[in-house]
Protein backbone atom coordinates (compact mmCIF):
# COMPACT_ATOMS: atom_id res chain seq x y z
CA MET A 1 -21.73 -2.83 10.79
CA LYS A 2 -19.54 -5.71 11.82
CA ILE A 3 -16.49 -5.53 9.57
CA LEU A 4 -13.53 -7.91 9.29
CA ILE A 5 -10.42 -6.60 7.55
CA ALA A 6 -8.37 -9.57 6.31
CA SER A 7 -4.89 -8.52 5.26
CA PRO A 8 -1.55 -10.35 4.95
CA GLU A 9 0.22 -7.39 6.54
CA VAL A 10 -0.82 -4.68 9.00
CA VAL A 11 1.06 -1.73 10.54
CA PRO A 12 2.64 -1.79 13.08
CA PHE A 13 2.84 -5.58 13.34
CA ALA A 14 4.19 -6.61 9.91
CA LYS A 15 4.91 -4.60 6.79
CA THR A 16 6.44 -4.81 3.34
CA GLY A 17 4.47 -2.08 1.56
CA GLY A 18 1.59 0.38 1.48
CA LEU A 19 -1.05 -2.33 2.04
CA ALA A 20 0.11 -2.59 5.65
CA ASP A 21 -0.42 1.14 6.16
CA VAL A 22 -3.98 0.91 4.84
CA ALA A 23 -4.81 -2.16 6.92
CA GLY A 24 -3.49 -0.48 10.05
CA ALA A 25 -5.10 2.94 9.58
CA LEU A 26 -8.52 2.22 7.99
CA PRO A 27 -9.80 0.13 10.95
CA LYS A 28 -9.00 2.97 13.38
CA ALA A 29 -11.06 5.39 11.29
CA LEU A 30 -13.93 2.90 10.96
CA LYS A 31 -13.91 2.42 14.72
CA GLU A 32 -14.25 6.17 15.18
CA LEU A 33 -17.35 5.97 12.98
CA ARG A 34 -18.72 3.50 15.58
CA HIS A 35 -18.46 0.31 13.55
CA ASP A 36 -17.43 -3.02 15.09
CA VAL A 37 -14.26 -3.49 13.06
CA ARG A 38 -11.65 -6.21 13.58
CA VAL A 39 -8.47 -7.21 11.77
CA ILE A 40 -6.89 -10.59 11.05
CA LEU A 41 -3.43 -11.47 9.73
CA PRO A 42 -0.82 -14.23 10.02
CA LYS A 43 1.43 -14.32 13.09
CA TYR A 44 4.78 -13.95 11.38
CA ARG A 45 8.05 -14.24 13.25
CA MET A 46 8.53 -10.47 12.96
CA VAL A 47 5.38 -9.81 15.04
CA ASP A 48 6.63 -8.71 18.44
CA ALA A 49 4.28 -10.62 20.76
CA VAL A 50 5.66 -9.03 23.94
CA LYS A 51 5.67 -5.46 22.67
CA TYR A 52 2.08 -5.64 21.42
CA GLY A 53 0.72 -7.81 24.21
CA LEU A 54 -0.48 -10.80 22.20
CA SER A 55 -2.43 -13.40 24.14
CA LYS A 56 -3.54 -16.81 22.92
CA ILE A 57 -7.31 -17.22 22.73
CA TYR A 58 -7.71 -20.50 20.78
CA ASP A 59 -5.58 -23.63 20.52
CA GLY A 60 -5.39 -26.07 17.63
CA ILE A 61 -8.22 -25.04 15.30
CA LYS A 62 -8.36 -27.65 12.55
CA VAL A 63 -7.76 -26.25 9.06
CA PRO A 64 -8.06 -28.43 5.92
CA VAL A 65 -5.21 -27.79 3.45
CA GLY A 66 -4.61 -29.92 0.37
CA GLY A 67 -6.16 -33.09 1.72
CA LYS A 68 -4.59 -32.88 5.17
CA ILE A 69 -5.36 -31.11 8.44
CA GLU A 70 -3.11 -28.39 9.81
CA LEU A 71 -3.60 -26.64 13.15
CA ALA A 72 -3.98 -22.92 13.81
CA ASP A 73 -3.54 -21.19 17.15
CA ILE A 74 -5.20 -17.79 17.45
CA TYR A 75 -3.73 -14.84 19.30
CA GLU A 76 -5.37 -11.52 20.04
CA ALA A 77 -4.10 -7.98 20.58
CA SER A 78 -5.27 -4.53 19.51
CA ILE A 79 -4.03 -1.79 17.23
CA PRO A 80 -1.94 0.36 19.60
CA GLY A 81 -3.85 3.26 21.09
CA THR A 82 -7.24 1.85 20.06
CA LYS A 83 -9.79 -0.77 21.00
CA VAL A 84 -9.67 -2.38 17.54
CA PRO A 85 -9.18 -6.14 18.05
CA VAL A 86 -6.48 -7.78 15.96
CA TYR A 87 -6.35 -11.56 15.52
CA PHE A 88 -3.21 -13.45 14.55
CA ILE A 89 -3.24 -16.88 12.92
CA ALA A 90 -0.25 -18.83 14.18
CA ASN A 91 1.42 -21.86 12.65
CA ASP A 92 5.22 -21.88 12.67
CA LYS A 93 5.41 -24.25 9.71
CA TYR A 94 3.91 -21.52 7.54
CA PHE A 95 4.72 -18.25 9.27
CA GLY A 96 7.75 -18.88 11.49
CA ARG A 97 10.10 -17.34 8.95
CA ASP A 98 12.22 -14.21 8.81
CA ASN A 99 10.27 -12.64 5.93
CA LEU A 100 6.64 -12.46 4.85
CA TYR A 101 6.58 -13.69 1.25
CA GLN A 102 10.11 -14.36 0.04
CA ASN A 103 13.71 -15.01 1.03
CA LYS A 104 16.58 -13.13 -0.63
CA GLY A 105 14.27 -11.85 -3.35
CA VAL A 106 12.83 -15.28 -4.20
CA ASP A 107 9.23 -16.17 -3.38
CA TYR A 108 8.72 -19.01 -0.92
CA PRO A 109 7.80 -22.06 -3.03
CA ASP A 110 4.91 -22.95 -0.70
CA ASN A 111 3.20 -19.53 -0.77
CA CYS A 112 0.05 -21.03 -2.29
CA GLU A 113 -0.20 -23.50 0.60
CA ARG A 114 0.67 -20.84 3.20
CA PHE A 115 -2.05 -18.43 2.19
CA THR A 116 -4.58 -21.17 1.50
CA PHE A 117 -4.04 -22.11 5.13
CA TYR A 118 -4.45 -18.48 6.21
CA SER A 119 -7.66 -18.02 4.21
CA ARG A 120 -9.35 -21.16 5.50
CA ALA A 121 -8.12 -20.52 9.03
CA VAL A 122 -9.87 -17.13 8.97
CA LEU A 123 -13.22 -18.81 8.28
CA GLU A 124 -12.67 -21.68 10.71
CA PHE A 125 -11.74 -19.17 13.41
CA LEU A 126 -14.88 -17.09 12.79
CA LYS A 127 -17.05 -20.15 13.17
CA ARG A 128 -15.25 -21.21 16.36
CA SER A 129 -15.50 -17.71 17.86
CA GLY A 130 -19.14 -17.18 16.90
CA TRP A 131 -18.46 -13.61 15.80
CA LYS A 132 -20.12 -13.20 12.40
CA PRO A 133 -19.18 -10.14 10.37
CA ASP A 134 -21.57 -8.41 7.98
CA ILE A 135 -18.64 -7.59 5.72
CA ILE A 136 -15.34 -9.28 5.01
CA ASN A 137 -12.90 -6.94 3.27
CA ALA A 138 -10.11 -9.11 1.85
CA ASN A 139 -6.93 -7.47 0.59
CA ASP A 140 -4.76 -8.67 -2.29
CA TRP A 141 -4.19 -12.20 -3.51
CA GLN A 142 -3.05 -13.57 -0.14
CA SER A 143 -6.57 -13.29 1.30
CA ALA A 144 -8.66 -13.55 -1.91
CA LEU A 145 -9.52 -17.22 -1.31
CA ILE A 146 -11.58 -16.22 1.74
CA ILE A 147 -14.10 -14.69 -0.65
CA MET A 148 -14.17 -17.67 -2.99
CA TYR A 149 -14.52 -20.14 -0.13
CA LEU A 150 -17.62 -18.30 1.11
CA LYS A 151 -19.20 -18.80 -2.32
CA THR A 152 -18.06 -22.43 -2.76
CA LEU A 153 -16.88 -24.72 0.05
CA TYR A 154 -18.77 -22.84 2.79
CA LYS A 155 -21.86 -21.74 0.86
CA ASP A 156 -24.15 -24.30 2.51
CA ASP A 157 -22.97 -23.59 6.04
CA PRO A 158 -25.71 -21.51 7.71
CA PHE A 159 -23.15 -19.64 9.83
CA PHE A 160 -21.72 -17.98 6.72
CA THR A 161 -24.97 -16.92 5.05
CA HIS A 162 -25.50 -13.20 4.44
CA ILE A 163 -21.83 -12.24 4.75
CA SER A 164 -21.03 -9.69 2.05
CA THR A 165 -17.56 -9.38 0.55
CA VAL A 166 -15.29 -6.63 -0.73
CA TYR A 167 -12.03 -7.35 -2.53
CA SER A 168 -9.44 -4.58 -2.34
CA ILE A 169 -6.59 -4.73 -4.83
CA HIS A 170 -3.58 -2.58 -4.02
CA ASN A 171 -1.36 -3.45 -6.99
CA MET A 172 -2.38 -5.47 -10.04
CA GLY A 173 1.25 -6.47 -10.55
CA TYR A 174 0.96 -9.06 -7.77
CA GLN A 175 -1.54 -11.77 -8.66
CA GLY A 176 -0.58 -14.87 -6.69
CA THR A 177 0.13 -17.09 -9.70
CA PHE A 178 1.12 -20.72 -9.15
CA PRO A 179 1.44 -23.94 -11.19
CA ALA A 180 -1.92 -25.47 -12.08
CA GLU A 181 -1.44 -28.56 -9.92
CA GLN A 182 -1.34 -26.38 -6.81
CA ILE A 183 -5.10 -25.97 -7.09
CA LYS A 184 -5.12 -29.19 -5.04
CA MET A 185 -3.74 -27.21 -2.10
CA THR A 186 -6.86 -25.04 -2.10
CA SER A 187 -9.20 -28.07 -1.78
CA LEU A 188 -11.10 -26.67 -4.74
CA GLY A 189 -11.77 -29.17 -7.51
CA TRP A 190 -10.50 -29.06 -11.08
CA GLU A 191 -13.92 -27.74 -12.09
CA TYR A 192 -12.63 -24.35 -10.93
CA PHE A 193 -9.64 -24.54 -13.27
CA ASN A 194 -11.21 -22.51 -16.06
CA SER A 195 -11.03 -18.92 -17.30
CA GLY A 196 -14.24 -18.04 -15.45
CA SER A 197 -12.65 -18.97 -12.14
CA LEU A 198 -9.00 -19.48 -11.09
CA GLU A 199 -7.26 -20.45 -14.36
CA PHE A 200 -4.88 -17.84 -15.77
CA TYR A 201 -2.80 -18.70 -18.85
CA GLY A 202 -2.32 -22.32 -17.79
CA LYS A 203 -1.67 -21.47 -14.14
CA ILE A 204 -3.88 -20.46 -11.24
CA ALA A 205 -4.07 -16.84 -10.10
CA LEU A 206 -5.41 -16.49 -6.56
CA THR A 207 -6.27 -12.85 -7.16
CA LYS A 208 -9.05 -14.09 -9.44
CA ALA A 209 -10.73 -15.63 -6.40
CA GLY A 210 -11.41 -12.05 -5.34
CA PHE A 211 -12.17 -10.53 -8.73
CA VAL A 212 -14.62 -13.27 -9.76
CA TYR A 213 -16.46 -13.92 -6.50
CA ALA A 214 -16.50 -10.65 -4.49
CA ASP A 215 -19.72 -8.68 -4.24
CA VAL A 216 -17.80 -5.44 -4.75
CA ILE A 217 -14.24 -4.70 -5.93
CA ASN A 218 -12.24 -1.65 -5.04
CA THR A 219 -8.81 -0.28 -5.59
CA VAL A 220 -6.86 2.56 -4.07
CA SER A 221 -7.74 5.48 -6.35
CA PRO A 222 -10.49 6.31 -8.86
CA GLN A 223 -8.00 6.71 -11.70
CA TYR A 224 -6.40 3.31 -11.00
CA SER A 225 -9.85 1.67 -10.98
CA HIS A 226 -10.13 2.73 -14.63
CA GLU A 227 -6.51 1.95 -15.52
CA ILE A 228 -6.75 -1.69 -14.39
CA GLN A 229 -9.44 -2.16 -17.04
CA THR A 230 -6.90 -1.37 -19.78
CA GLN A 231 -4.36 -3.63 -21.45
CA GLU A 232 -1.48 -1.46 -20.23
CA PHE A 233 -2.29 -1.80 -16.54
CA GLY A 234 -4.59 -4.82 -16.32
CA HIS A 235 -1.76 -7.39 -16.30
CA GLY A 236 -3.86 -9.81 -18.34
CA LEU A 237 -7.00 -9.45 -16.20
CA GLU A 238 -8.43 -6.35 -17.88
CA GLY A 239 -11.16 -8.36 -19.63
CA LEU A 240 -12.37 -9.85 -16.36
CA ILE A 241 -12.40 -6.47 -14.64
CA GLN A 242 -14.19 -4.85 -17.57
CA SER A 243 -16.87 -7.53 -17.26
CA ARG A 244 -17.37 -6.45 -13.64
CA SER A 245 -16.94 -2.72 -14.23
CA LYS A 246 -20.24 -1.83 -12.56
CA ASP A 247 -18.90 -3.35 -9.32
CA VAL A 248 -15.47 -1.67 -9.44
CA TYR A 249 -14.76 1.43 -7.33
CA GLY A 250 -11.73 3.51 -6.40
CA ILE A 251 -11.07 5.16 -3.04
CA VAL A 252 -7.91 7.16 -2.42
CA ASN A 253 -5.96 5.97 0.60
CA GLY A 254 -5.82 8.26 3.58
CA ILE A 255 -2.87 9.32 5.71
CA ASP A 256 -2.61 8.73 9.43
CA TYR A 257 -1.86 12.25 10.63
CA GLU A 258 -0.92 10.91 14.06
CA LEU A 259 2.10 9.34 12.37
CA TRP A 260 2.76 11.82 9.55
CA ASN A 261 2.66 15.33 10.96
CA PRO A 262 5.56 17.78 11.23
CA ALA A 263 3.90 19.45 14.22
CA PHE A 264 4.86 16.51 16.44
CA ASP A 265 7.15 14.28 14.36
CA PRO A 266 9.77 12.86 16.78
CA TYR A 267 12.27 12.17 13.99
CA ILE A 268 12.71 15.67 12.59
CA VAL A 269 15.06 18.38 13.82
CA LYS A 270 12.52 21.21 14.10
CA LYS A 271 8.78 20.75 14.44
CA TYR A 272 6.54 23.11 12.48
CA ASP A 273 3.03 23.64 11.12
CA ARG A 274 1.33 25.97 8.61
CA ARG A 275 1.76 28.97 10.92
CA THR A 276 5.45 28.30 11.54
CA ILE A 277 6.34 27.04 8.08
CA SER A 278 9.58 29.03 7.97
CA GLN A 279 11.01 26.63 10.59
CA LYS A 280 10.95 23.90 7.96
CA ALA A 281 14.27 25.39 6.78
CA GLU A 282 16.08 23.96 9.82
CA ASN A 283 15.15 20.46 8.66
CA LYS A 284 16.52 21.25 5.22
CA SER A 285 19.82 22.28 6.77
CA ALA A 286 19.94 19.05 8.78
CA LEU A 287 19.16 16.97 5.70
CA GLN A 288 21.90 18.72 3.72
CA LYS A 289 24.40 18.13 6.52
CA LYS A 290 23.44 14.46 6.89
CA ASN A 291 24.01 13.90 3.17
CA GLY A 292 27.25 15.88 2.91
CA LEU A 293 25.66 18.58 0.79
CA PRO A 294 26.61 22.26 1.03
CA HIS A 295 24.26 24.53 2.98
CA VAL A 296 23.01 26.67 0.07
CA ASP A 297 19.58 27.99 -0.88
CA VAL A 298 18.79 25.87 -3.92
CA PRO A 299 15.78 23.57 -4.44
CA LEU A 300 16.26 20.21 -2.70
CA ILE A 301 14.36 17.32 -4.26
CA GLY A 302 13.72 14.23 -2.13
CA ILE A 303 12.78 10.77 -3.31
CA ILE A 304 11.91 7.74 -1.14
CA SER A 305 11.18 4.69 -3.23
CA ARG A 306 11.79 1.15 -4.28
CA LEU A 307 14.41 1.49 -7.04
CA ALA A 308 12.56 -0.16 -9.90
CA ASP A 309 11.34 0.62 -13.41
CA GLN A 310 7.72 0.79 -12.21
CA LYS A 311 8.65 3.72 -10.00
CA GLY A 312 10.04 5.67 -12.96
CA PHE A 313 13.71 5.00 -12.39
CA ASP A 314 14.30 4.12 -16.03
CA ILE A 315 13.37 7.64 -17.19
CA LEU A 316 15.06 9.18 -14.15
CA ALA A 317 18.26 7.29 -14.96
CA GLU A 318 18.08 8.53 -18.54
CA ASP A 319 17.94 12.14 -17.36
CA ILE A 320 20.01 12.05 -14.17
CA GLU A 321 23.13 13.59 -15.75
CA ASN A 322 21.05 16.52 -17.03
CA ILE A 323 19.36 16.89 -13.63
CA MET A 324 22.74 17.08 -11.93
CA HIS A 325 23.55 20.14 -14.06
CA LEU A 326 20.49 22.02 -12.85
CA ASN A 327 20.82 24.37 -9.90
CA LEU A 328 19.46 21.93 -7.30
CA GLN A 329 20.23 19.20 -4.78
CA PHE A 330 18.85 15.68 -4.78
CA VAL A 331 18.50 13.21 -1.87
CA LEU A 332 17.58 9.57 -2.47
CA LEU A 333 16.49 6.87 0.00
CA GLY A 334 15.62 3.33 -1.11
CA THR A 335 16.76 -0.04 -2.36
CA GLY A 336 15.97 -2.08 -5.43
CA GLU A 337 17.56 -3.18 -8.66
CA PRO A 338 21.39 -3.37 -8.52
CA LYS A 339 21.76 -1.32 -11.72
CA TYR A 340 20.20 1.65 -9.95
CA HIS A 341 22.35 1.17 -6.86
CA GLU A 342 25.42 1.37 -9.10
CA LEU A 343 24.12 4.36 -11.04
CA PHE A 344 23.37 6.52 -8.03
CA LEU A 345 26.61 5.64 -6.25
CA GLU A 346 28.41 6.70 -9.41
CA MET A 347 26.43 9.97 -9.44
CA LYS A 348 27.35 10.59 -5.79
CA LYS A 349 31.02 10.15 -6.60
CA LYS A 350 30.76 12.39 -9.67
CA TYR A 351 28.49 15.11 -8.19
CA PRO A 352 29.10 15.08 -4.42
CA GLU A 353 27.72 18.60 -3.95
CA HIS A 354 24.46 17.82 -5.74
CA ILE A 355 23.29 14.39 -4.64
CA GLY A 356 22.93 12.39 -1.44
CA VAL A 357 22.45 8.62 -1.81
CA ASN A 358 21.10 6.37 0.96
CA LEU A 359 20.71 2.75 -0.14
CA GLY A 360 18.57 0.98 2.43
CA PHE A 361 15.60 1.86 4.59
CA ASP A 362 15.83 4.27 7.49
CA ALA A 363 12.52 5.38 9.02
CA ALA A 364 14.02 8.41 10.76
CA LEU A 365 15.77 9.55 7.59
CA ALA A 366 12.55 9.11 5.63
CA GLN A 367 10.78 11.54 7.97
CA LEU A 368 13.64 14.02 7.65
CA ILE A 369 13.50 13.81 3.85
CA TYR A 370 9.80 14.66 3.91
CA ALA A 371 10.45 17.55 6.28
CA GLY A 372 13.71 18.82 4.79
CA SER A 373 13.04 18.62 1.05
CA ASP A 374 11.47 21.42 -0.96
CA MET A 375 10.04 19.00 -3.51
CA PHE A 376 9.21 15.30 -3.56
CA LEU A 377 9.65 13.32 -6.78
CA MET A 378 7.41 10.42 -7.91
CA PRO A 379 7.93 9.79 -11.65
CA SER A 380 6.09 6.44 -11.60
CA ARG A 381 5.12 4.53 -14.71
CA TYR A 382 2.08 3.41 -12.73
CA GLU A 383 1.09 4.12 -9.14
CA PRO A 384 -2.14 2.61 -7.77
CA CYS A 385 -2.46 5.30 -5.10
CA GLY A 386 0.83 6.53 -3.77
CA LEU A 387 1.27 7.72 -0.21
CA GLY A 388 4.43 9.76 -0.73
CA GLN A 389 2.67 12.68 -2.39
CA LEU A 390 0.05 12.79 0.38
CA ILE A 391 2.67 12.69 3.13
CA SER A 392 4.73 15.35 1.36
CA TYR A 393 1.68 17.65 1.32
CA LYS A 394 1.46 17.55 5.10
CA TYR A 395 5.15 18.46 5.37
CA GLY A 396 4.85 21.39 2.95
CA THR A 397 7.01 19.54 0.42
CA VAL A 398 5.68 20.10 -3.09
CA PRO A 399 5.22 16.92 -5.18
CA ILE A 400 6.50 16.46 -8.74
CA VAL A 401 4.64 13.47 -10.20
CA ARG A 402 3.62 11.68 -13.34
CA MET A 403 -0.08 11.76 -14.18
CA THR A 404 -1.05 8.18 -13.39
CA GLY A 405 -3.23 6.34 -10.86
CA GLY A 406 -3.60 8.03 -7.51
CA LEU A 407 -1.00 10.64 -8.45
CA ALA A 408 -3.38 11.91 -11.14
CA ASP A 409 -6.24 11.96 -8.63
CA THR A 410 -4.42 13.90 -5.94
CA VAL A 411 -1.95 16.33 -7.56
CA THR A 412 -3.10 19.30 -9.65
CA ASP A 413 -0.49 20.82 -11.92
CA GLY A 414 0.47 24.34 -10.89
CA LYS A 415 -1.93 24.36 -7.93
CA THR A 416 -0.74 21.67 -5.54
CA GLY A 417 2.32 20.37 -7.38
CA PHE A 418 3.88 19.76 -10.78
CA VAL A 419 2.57 17.04 -13.09
CA PHE A 420 3.89 15.58 -16.33
CA GLU A 421 1.90 13.24 -18.56
CA GLU A 422 4.17 11.62 -21.14
CA TYR A 423 6.31 8.85 -19.70
CA SER A 424 9.64 10.16 -20.92
CA ALA A 425 12.88 11.62 -19.60
CA SER A 426 12.20 14.90 -21.40
CA ALA A 427 8.76 15.32 -19.82
CA LEU A 428 10.22 14.57 -16.39
CA HIS A 429 12.99 17.09 -16.98
CA ASP A 430 10.49 19.76 -18.01
CA ALA A 431 8.43 19.25 -14.83
CA ILE A 432 11.52 19.59 -12.65
CA LYS A 433 12.54 22.78 -14.46
CA ARG A 434 9.05 24.25 -13.95
CA ALA A 435 9.25 23.47 -10.23
CA ILE A 436 12.69 25.09 -9.98
CA GLU A 437 11.39 28.20 -11.73
CA ALA A 438 8.41 28.42 -9.37
CA TYR A 439 10.73 28.07 -6.35
CA LYS A 440 12.40 31.36 -7.24
CA ASP A 441 9.30 33.37 -6.26
CA LYS A 442 9.58 32.92 -2.50
CA LYS A 443 6.20 34.40 -1.61
CA LYS A 444 4.26 32.29 -4.12
CA TRP A 445 6.26 29.22 -3.10
CA LYS A 446 5.44 29.77 0.57
CA ASP A 447 1.75 30.14 -0.34
CA LEU A 448 1.93 26.87 -2.29
CA MET A 449 3.52 25.09 0.67
CA ALA A 450 0.85 26.41 3.05
CA ARG A 451 -1.94 25.39 0.66
CA ASP A 452 -0.57 21.86 0.44
CA MET A 453 -0.25 21.59 4.21
CA GLY A 454 -3.94 22.50 4.53
CA LEU A 455 -5.17 19.67 2.30
CA ASP A 456 -7.15 16.96 4.09
CA TYR A 457 -6.22 13.40 3.15
CA SER A 458 -7.03 11.98 6.56
CA TRP A 459 -8.42 8.49 6.89
CA ASN A 460 -11.61 10.00 8.31
CA ALA A 461 -12.69 11.12 4.82
CA SER A 462 -11.64 7.86 3.13
CA ALA A 463 -13.29 5.69 5.81
CA LYS A 464 -16.68 7.26 5.10
CA LYS A 465 -16.28 6.23 1.46
CA TYR A 466 -15.41 2.69 2.56
CA VAL A 467 -18.62 2.62 4.63
CA GLU A 468 -20.57 3.57 1.48
CA LEU A 469 -18.75 0.77 -0.37
CA TYR A 470 -19.66 -1.75 2.33
CA GLU A 471 -23.29 -0.65 2.11
CA LYS A 472 -23.21 -1.28 -1.64
CA ALA A 473 -21.90 -4.79 -0.97
CA LEU A 474 -24.65 -5.42 1.58
CA ASP A 475 -27.32 -4.16 -0.84
CA LYS A 476 -25.94 -6.43 -3.56
CA SER A 477 -26.18 -9.45 -1.26
CA LEU A 478 -29.76 -8.59 -0.33
CA VAL A 479 -30.71 -8.41 -4.00
CA LYS A 480 -29.25 -11.90 -4.53
CA VAL A 481 -31.27 -13.26 -1.62
């Protein structure tokens, strides 16, 4: 198949979250399955053109946006270490900024216009290049309009006939909502401002362009594909997704084991694998030292996260004093809501021998936390897929998670980790205590670590499921014809 992955962010070029990891790793796995897969994203300022060898291939492609014409230059490179082509849509007016979507925590006011431009530029570029994909896999609201345009503004253009579409949603919490009048930016008429199309509680929601018009919809775990059809997790779109339930699928994200592997991780103190698992202890010692914690044999729990209620920090905050009185150590890496910054800094001052606090992002420290922790905590209120628990498996670090989304799909209580169901501080506390108790039996704990390290969450397995999904989309298009 000819497959185009359209994503607003792609590792290693530009990243804010897990979407970038998926968009960077899935194409490599699809290429290994011998598909002609290509990737397209905006050329943000953060994209290092020299480092990744970008070269301009098209100048001044005309792109209609809100009644005017803007110009797109197209650059090409490849995902490092592969022959997967990557295209970059360049326009400094829209993408020559320090950040991808917001500045100092506030969304750019012209985001609707920016990603309308991106979506139309993708289609105009395809027509100019002559490369016609069988499948366009658009990701999240920033690229959802590509799908709608194929079914509306471009439906009578013979070049675009027989292109099937998949819409991948990575987090229902981000919907691309804008004031109603910004529908003019999309060049779509007011006839599309209705509940069966883009209208969403008096505004427009660009994510609906994907949910309404895609041949097939998928999200990043089977459990989350069911959860988004409920009032609790549907964010107001559960009715729409229920109406399309027969077209909704869930595929767990994979892990790129070339990046996440303690056998050759350049950032950890001592490399190890399942056969040399005892050497993991040297990383624990290094992590303790780096965080000013005493070198003692107690369970060390790591957490790498955005500090927000969604990630379970409200129930963690409620129980943190009790946790500090357990016989354990705790190392945190992340940034987020100021109230949590203050809380954990206070805990560090109060319990310096029990907690290490790192407010910010440090890639090398993140690797060391995975390698040096005994357990990895993810108490999320909701978690579409979660990569942390899958990475922690590879490092022999046992996950403690709440039973939601991809966490429910990938962690089995007592067998691969520790799971709690009720979203409460007491349930979280109980799960941590069960993990601490299990840690005391060194032989069983070592067996658990080795079992987790042997689990296969490579992209190779997930990519095969994506191929099946693409075939479903193609079959659906054929039926329509």
